[in-house]
Protein backbone atom coordinates (compact mmCIF):
# COMPACT_ATOMS: atom_id res chain seq x y z
CA MET A 1 -11.54 88.31 77.81
CA ILE A 2 -10.78 85.56 80.32
CA GLY A 3 -12.24 87.66 83.13
CA GLY A 4 -15.36 88.34 81.05
CA ALA A 5 -15.81 84.61 80.35
CA LEU A 6 -15.38 83.85 84.04
CA ARG A 7 -18.02 86.40 84.97
CA LEU A 8 -20.38 84.98 82.35
CA ASP A 9 -19.85 81.45 83.68
CA SER A 10 -20.45 82.62 87.24
CA ALA A 11 -23.56 84.53 86.22
CA GLY A 12 -24.83 81.44 84.40
CA LYS A 13 -24.39 79.32 87.49
CA LEU A 14 -26.20 81.95 89.54
CA VAL A 15 -29.14 82.01 87.12
CA LEU A 16 -29.35 78.19 87.12
CA ALA A 17 -29.26 78.09 90.92
CA ALA A 18 -32.00 80.74 91.07
CA LEU A 19 -34.22 78.72 88.71
CA LEU A 20 -33.73 75.55 90.76
CA TRP A 21 -34.43 77.47 93.97
CA GLY A 22 -37.64 78.95 92.57
CA ALA A 23 -38.84 75.60 91.24
CA SER A 24 -38.14 73.91 94.58
CA LEU A 25 -40.10 76.59 96.42
CA TRP A 26 -43.02 76.31 94.01
CA LEU A 27 -43.16 72.49 94.31
CA LEU A 28 -42.95 72.30 98.11
CA ARG A 29 -46.65 72.33 98.95
CA PRO A 30 -47.66 69.83 96.23
CA PHE A 31 -44.79 67.59 97.36
CA TRP A 32 -45.79 67.52 101.04
CA ASP A 33 -49.50 67.25 100.17
CA ALA A 34 -48.81 64.25 97.92
CA LEU A 35 -46.53 62.61 100.49
CA ILE A 36 -48.59 63.09 103.65
CA TRP A 37 -52.17 63.02 102.35
CA GLY A 38 -51.48 60.74 99.37
CA ALA A 39 -48.55 58.35 99.86
CA PHE A 40 -48.99 57.93 103.62
CA ASN A 41 -52.77 58.34 103.40
CA LEU A 42 -52.97 60.37 106.61
CA SER A 43 -56.20 62.11 107.48
CA SER A 44 -56.21 65.91 107.50
CA GLU A 45 -58.78 65.68 110.29
CA ALA A 46 -56.17 64.25 112.66
CA LYS A 47 -54.56 67.02 114.69
CA TRP A 48 -51.17 65.34 114.81
CA ALA A 49 -51.16 64.85 111.02
CA GLU A 50 -52.10 68.48 110.42
CA ALA A 51 -49.37 69.58 112.85
CA LEU A 52 -46.85 67.32 111.07
CA HIS A 53 -47.78 68.80 107.70
CA PHE A 54 -47.47 72.32 109.11
CA PHE A 55 -44.03 71.54 110.58
CA LEU A 56 -42.55 69.85 107.49
CA TYR A 57 -43.91 72.33 104.97
CA ASP A 58 -43.03 75.45 106.97
CA THR A 59 -39.55 74.17 107.87
CA THR A 60 -38.57 73.48 104.27
CA LYS A 61 -40.28 76.59 102.94
CA ILE A 62 -38.70 79.01 105.42
CA LEU A 63 -35.26 77.40 105.16
CA LEU A 64 -35.38 77.71 101.37
CA LEU A 65 -36.57 81.32 101.61
CA LEU A 66 -33.91 82.09 104.18
CA MET A 67 -31.07 80.65 102.11
CA GLY A 68 -32.15 82.47 98.97
CA ILE A 69 -32.69 85.79 100.71
CA VAL A 70 -29.45 85.68 102.69
CA TYR A 71 -27.50 84.77 99.55
CA LEU A 72 -28.98 87.58 97.49
CA VAL A 73 -28.57 90.22 100.19
CA ALA A 74 -25.01 89.08 100.95
CA LEU A 75 -24.18 89.31 97.24
CA LEU A 76 -25.53 92.86 97.11
CA ARG A 77 -23.88 93.71 100.41
CA SER A 78 -20.47 92.74 99.07
CA TYR A 79 -20.61 96.04 97.18
CA PHE A 80 -21.43 98.00 100.35
CA SER A 81 -18.79 97.92 103.10
CA VAL A 82 -19.12 98.81 106.78
CA GLU A 83 -16.63 101.63 106.20
CA ARG A 84 -18.93 103.06 103.54
CA THR A 85 -21.84 102.94 105.97
CA GLN A 86 -19.83 104.82 108.59
CA ALA A 87 -18.74 107.36 105.99
CA LEU A 88 -22.34 107.99 104.92
CA LEU A 89 -23.51 108.53 108.49
CA GLY A 90 -20.48 110.35 109.86
CA GLY A 91 -21.14 114.06 110.38
CA ARG A 92 -24.84 113.77 109.50
CA ARG A 93 -27.16 116.00 111.46
CA GLU A 94 -30.02 114.54 113.44
CA GLY A 95 -33.28 114.23 111.55
CA ALA A 96 -31.89 113.51 108.11
CA GLY A 97 -29.23 111.35 109.76
CA ASN A 98 -31.87 109.36 111.66
CA LEU A 99 -33.79 108.74 108.45
CA LEU A 100 -30.70 107.64 106.54
CA ALA A 101 -29.47 105.49 109.45
CA SER A 102 -32.83 103.72 109.69
CA ALA A 103 -32.84 103.02 105.95
CA LEU A 104 -29.26 101.74 106.04
CA GLY A 105 -30.18 99.49 108.96
CA VAL A 106 -32.48 97.51 106.67
CA VAL A 107 -29.75 96.54 104.20
CA THR A 108 -26.62 96.24 106.32
CA PRO A 109 -25.40 93.13 108.14
CA PHE A 110 -25.80 93.96 111.81
CA CYS A 111 -27.70 92.10 114.51
CA SER A 112 -27.60 91.97 118.29
CA CYS A 113 -24.40 89.91 118.11
CA SER A 114 -22.55 92.73 116.34
CA ALA A 115 -24.23 95.61 118.22
CA VAL A 116 -21.15 96.51 120.27
CA PRO A 117 -18.58 96.78 117.43
CA ALA A 118 -21.15 98.60 115.28
CA PHE A 119 -21.89 101.07 118.06
CA ILE A 120 -18.18 101.72 118.76
CA GLY A 121 -17.35 102.12 115.08
CA PHE A 122 -20.17 104.57 114.39
CA VAL A 123 -19.60 106.76 117.45
CA ALA A 124 -15.85 106.77 116.85
CA ALA A 125 -16.49 107.82 113.23
CA GLY A 126 -18.36 110.90 114.46
CA VAL A 127 -21.93 109.62 114.02
CA PRO A 128 -24.24 111.32 116.59
CA LEU A 129 -25.56 109.09 119.37
CA GLY A 130 -29.21 109.40 118.32
CA VAL A 131 -28.38 108.56 114.71
CA THR A 132 -26.38 105.52 115.83
CA LEU A 133 -29.30 104.34 117.97
CA SER A 134 -31.67 104.69 114.99
CA PHE A 135 -29.38 102.34 113.09
CA LEU A 136 -29.20 99.85 115.96
CA ILE A 137 -33.00 99.77 116.27
CA ALA A 138 -33.68 99.34 112.55
CA SER A 139 -30.94 96.84 111.76
CA PRO A 140 -32.22 93.78 113.65
CA MET A 141 -35.92 94.66 113.48
CA VAL A 142 -36.51 95.75 109.87
CA ASN A 143 -34.17 93.34 108.12
CA GLU A 144 -34.48 91.66 104.75
CA VAL A 145 -35.32 88.28 106.29
CA ALA A 146 -38.27 89.67 108.27
CA LEU A 147 -39.65 91.53 105.26
CA ALA A 148 -39.29 88.62 102.85
CA LEU A 149 -40.84 86.12 105.23
CA LEU A 150 -43.69 88.49 106.10
CA PHE A 151 -44.29 88.88 102.37
CA SER A 152 -44.36 85.12 101.82
CA LEU A 153 -46.59 84.39 104.82
CA PHE A 154 -48.98 87.34 104.88
CA GLY A 155 -48.63 89.25 101.61
CA TRP A 156 -46.96 92.45 100.45
CA GLN A 157 -49.38 94.76 102.26
CA ILE A 158 -48.38 93.48 105.72
CA ALA A 159 -44.69 93.52 104.77
CA LEU A 160 -44.97 97.11 103.53
CA VAL A 161 -46.83 98.31 106.62
CA TYR A 162 -44.23 96.59 108.83
CA LEU A 163 -41.42 98.27 106.88
CA ALA A 164 -43.02 101.70 107.25
CA ALA A 165 -43.78 101.19 110.94
CA GLY A 166 -40.32 99.83 111.73
CA LEU A 167 -38.50 102.62 109.91
CA SER A 168 -40.69 105.26 111.55
CA LEU A 169 -40.10 103.75 114.98
CA ALA A 170 -36.32 103.57 114.46
CA MET A 171 -36.16 107.11 113.12
CA PHE A 172 -38.28 108.81 115.79
CA ALA A 173 -36.97 106.74 118.71
CA GLY A 174 -33.38 107.54 117.71
CA TRP A 175 -34.25 111.20 117.25
CA ALA A 176 -35.96 111.35 120.67
CA LEU A 177 -33.02 109.62 122.38
CA GLY A 178 -30.61 112.02 120.66
CA ARG A 179 -32.60 115.01 121.92
CA LEU A 180 -32.25 113.85 125.54
CA GLY A 181 -28.49 114.47 125.67
CA LEU A 182 -27.57 111.04 126.97
CA GLU A 183 -23.93 111.01 125.88
CA ARG A 184 -22.84 111.06 129.53
CA TRP A 185 -24.27 107.55 129.90
CA VAL A 186 -22.07 106.10 127.17
CA GLU A 187 -19.02 104.28 128.53
CA PRO A 188 -16.05 106.72 128.34
CA PHE A 189 -13.76 104.33 126.45
CA VAL A 190 -16.03 104.56 123.39
CA TYR A 191 -15.15 108.23 122.86
CA GLU A 192 -11.45 107.53 123.40
CA ILE A 193 -11.25 105.27 120.35
CA SER A 194 -10.07 106.97 117.18
CA MET A 195 -10.81 105.66 113.73
CA GLY A 196 -7.69 105.23 111.62
CA GLY A 197 -7.70 105.51 107.89
CA HIS A 198 -8.72 102.47 105.91
CA VAL A 199 -7.39 101.62 102.48
CA ASP A 200 -9.59 99.26 100.54
CA ALA A 201 -7.84 96.25 99.06
CA ARG A 202 -8.45 95.12 95.49
CA PRO A 203 -12.21 94.89 94.99
CA PRO A 204 -13.33 91.26 94.70
CA ASN A 205 -14.43 89.86 91.36
CA PHE A 206 -17.89 88.39 90.84
CA THR A 207 -16.81 84.83 91.59
CA GLU A 208 -15.33 85.94 94.91
CA ARG A 209 -18.54 87.81 95.72
CA MET A 210 -20.51 84.63 95.04
CA ASP A 211 -18.18 82.70 97.34
CA PHE A 212 -18.68 85.35 100.03
CA ALA A 213 -22.48 85.09 99.68
CA ALA A 214 -22.35 81.29 99.92
CA GLU A 215 -20.23 81.53 103.07
CA GLU A 216 -22.72 84.00 104.56
CA VAL A 217 -25.52 81.49 103.94
CA ARG A 218 -23.52 78.76 105.64
CA GLN A 219 -22.73 80.89 108.68
CA ILE A 220 -26.08 82.65 109.16
CA VAL A 221 -28.32 79.66 108.47
CA GLY A 222 -25.96 77.50 110.56
CA LYS A 223 -26.41 79.86 113.51
CA ILE A 224 -30.15 80.36 113.42
CA TRP A 225 -31.59 77.06 112.17
CA PRO A 226 -32.11 75.66 115.72
CA TYR A 227 -34.20 78.73 116.63
CA LEU A 228 -36.05 78.41 113.36
CA VAL A 229 -36.92 74.74 113.86
CA ALA A 230 -37.89 75.36 117.50
CA GLY A 231 -40.16 78.21 116.45
CA ILE A 232 -41.82 76.11 113.76
CA ALA A 233 -42.25 73.17 116.16
CA LEU A 234 -43.95 75.44 118.68
CA GLY A 235 -46.05 76.89 115.90
CA ALA A 236 -47.05 73.40 114.74
CA TRP A 237 -48.10 72.48 118.29
CA ILE A 238 -50.18 75.65 118.58
CA HIS A 239 -51.59 75.07 115.11
CA GLY A 240 -52.67 71.53 115.91
CA TRP A 241 -53.60 71.37 119.59
CA VAL A 242 -53.98 74.69 121.40
CA PRO A 243 -57.63 75.83 121.37
CA GLN A 244 -58.34 79.03 119.51
CA GLY A 245 -60.37 80.44 122.39
CA PHE A 246 -57.38 80.36 124.74
CA PHE A 247 -55.38 82.84 122.67
CA LEU A 248 -58.38 84.97 121.82
CA ARG A 249 -59.04 85.48 125.55
CA LEU A 250 -55.37 86.16 126.23
CA ALA A 251 -54.49 88.48 123.35
CA GLY A 252 -57.60 88.89 121.24
CA PRO A 253 -59.23 92.15 120.20
CA GLU A 254 -61.45 92.14 123.29
CA ASN A 255 -58.44 92.47 125.61
CA PRO A 256 -57.33 96.15 125.69
CA LEU A 257 -53.98 95.20 127.23
CA ALA A 258 -53.13 92.56 124.63
CA VAL A 259 -50.47 94.60 122.82
CA LEU A 260 -48.77 95.66 126.05
CA GLY A 261 -48.77 92.05 127.26
CA ALA A 262 -47.31 90.84 123.96
CA VAL A 263 -44.43 93.33 124.21
CA LEU A 264 -43.71 92.40 127.85
CA LEU A 265 -43.74 88.73 126.86
CA GLY A 266 -41.39 89.31 123.91
CA VAL A 267 -38.65 91.24 125.76
CA PRO A 268 -37.14 88.33 127.76
CA LEU A 269 -37.17 85.99 124.76
CA TYR A 270 -34.25 85.60 122.38
CA SER A 271 -34.84 84.83 118.75
CA ASN A 272 -34.69 86.42 115.32
CA ALA A 273 -37.21 87.15 112.62
CA ALA A 274 -36.83 83.72 111.01
CA GLY A 275 -37.35 81.98 114.33
CA VAL A 276 -40.33 83.97 115.56
CA LEU A 277 -42.31 84.30 112.31
CA PRO A 278 -43.56 80.67 112.24
CA LEU A 279 -44.98 81.28 115.71
CA VAL A 280 -46.59 84.50 114.50
CA GLU A 281 -48.13 82.61 111.57
CA ALA A 282 -49.60 79.93 113.82
CA LEU A 283 -51.01 82.48 116.28
CA HIS A 284 -52.49 84.49 113.43
CA GLU A 285 -54.35 81.41 112.24
CA LYS A 286 -55.79 81.15 115.77
CA GLY A 287 -57.34 84.59 115.33
CA LEU A 288 -54.92 86.92 117.11
CA ALA A 289 -54.83 90.48 115.83
CA MET A 290 -51.97 91.26 113.46
CA GLY A 291 -50.92 94.37 115.39
CA THR A 292 -50.54 92.35 118.59
CA LEU A 293 -48.48 89.71 116.80
CA LEU A 294 -46.18 92.16 115.05
CA ALA A 295 -45.64 94.07 118.30
CA PHE A 296 -44.61 90.76 119.86
CA MET A 297 -42.22 90.08 116.97
CA MET A 298 -40.71 93.57 117.16
CA ALA A 299 -40.12 93.18 120.90
CA VAL A 300 -38.45 89.79 120.48
CA VAL A 301 -36.17 90.96 117.67
CA ALA A 302 -35.37 94.53 118.78
CA LEU A 303 -35.55 94.37 122.58
CA SER A 304 -34.35 90.90 123.53
CA LEU A 305 -32.73 90.62 126.96
CA PRO A 306 -29.46 89.18 125.54
CA GLU A 307 -29.11 92.21 123.25
CA MET A 308 -29.54 94.56 126.21
CA ILE A 309 -26.84 92.68 128.10
CA ILE A 310 -24.54 92.99 125.10
CA LEU A 311 -25.23 96.72 124.78
CA ARG A 312 -24.40 97.19 128.45
CA ARG A 313 -20.73 96.86 127.45
CA VAL A 314 -20.91 100.29 125.81
CA LEU A 315 -23.94 101.90 127.49
CA LYS A 316 -24.47 102.52 131.19
CA TRP A 317 -27.60 101.06 132.73
CA PRO A 318 -29.57 104.36 132.79
CA LEU A 319 -29.18 104.70 129.01
CA VAL A 320 -30.06 101.04 128.47
CA ALA A 321 -33.22 101.58 130.54
CA VAL A 322 -34.19 104.74 128.62
CA TYR A 323 -33.47 102.97 125.32
CA VAL A 324 -35.75 100.05 126.26
CA ALA A 325 -38.51 102.35 127.55
CA VAL A 326 -38.58 104.56 124.44
CA VAL A 327 -38.45 101.66 121.97
CA ALA A 328 -41.00 99.59 123.93
CA ALA A 329 -43.41 102.54 124.05
CA GLY A 330 -43.01 102.96 120.30
CA ILE A 331 -43.64 99.26 119.67
CA VAL A 332 -46.80 99.33 121.82
CA GLY A 333 -48.04 102.36 119.86
CA VAL A 334 -47.30 100.64 116.55
CA GLY A 335 -49.16 97.53 117.73
CA TYR A 336 -52.31 99.45 118.58
CA LEU A 337 -52.03 101.36 115.30
CA PHE A 338 -51.78 98.09 113.36
CA ASN A 339 -54.83 96.71 115.16
CA SER A 340 -56.90 99.78 114.42
CA VAL A 341 -55.88 99.97 110.75
CA LEU A 342 -55.88 96.26 109.91
CA GLY A 343 -58.92 95.36 112.00
């Protein structure tokens, strides 16, 4: 009875927090409109005022979205351990394994920072190399933050197309890499690690799961907020001052190499979906094709140079190079497909 009351109290707090979060998100635009255009009486014709409005509104909106999404996903993820992920993928054949690994990559907590331990754990658990690579492609690229923010900025259609494209890319790229027989280019120590048995401790109660989710918000938002604010600041500058014609000449529909250039530009950058999406939003308002922009975002998130350096700890350079080439080619293809379908 006491446990039931505690769960009810915790659930009540969660519902109240969700209502406050939703109300805050709904009131953001009227608040900033009233403050900037009303209280301060700034002119929307002034570029600096429009850029300021863009920066303040997008910063608060995306931070609120990020905190809510990370909390919810962390709460759900508390029921889904890393060991369970490894158990689901271990022994799976290629094909079905690539599909399952790509789908699991969307809902599990891995990014470039955790690529090495994830890779070691999966290979040591008997997961085929190609299946593991499908997971590593999907996990940073098609994550819950990217999908939720795409939905909020561009609508469910763009988010759904991105989900389908990202999962297809992760599945087929992993399958292709698995077919090439590249195990010889994995560092030998990876195969020498054996996975011991793991006995789960007492499952946490709902209050402990809520505490875990709150700690995830603190850690994740604490790590990425500088990238987020920098991305929004750059987006505000582009939104307010950079001429539309400049970007249309550089990466507009008239340039047949725009998607390839966007991918090459995105590879050396280091950011995450939350940090790069405000820039994508600003460039989209300047008239850049959605396929070009999403190819740029995919390259930044899935093929960043720091991630490749991290992966070098477990993969030899030839496999890193093949990995980058196959994924980059897939991203370029997805970009051109987006442009042709979305116009």
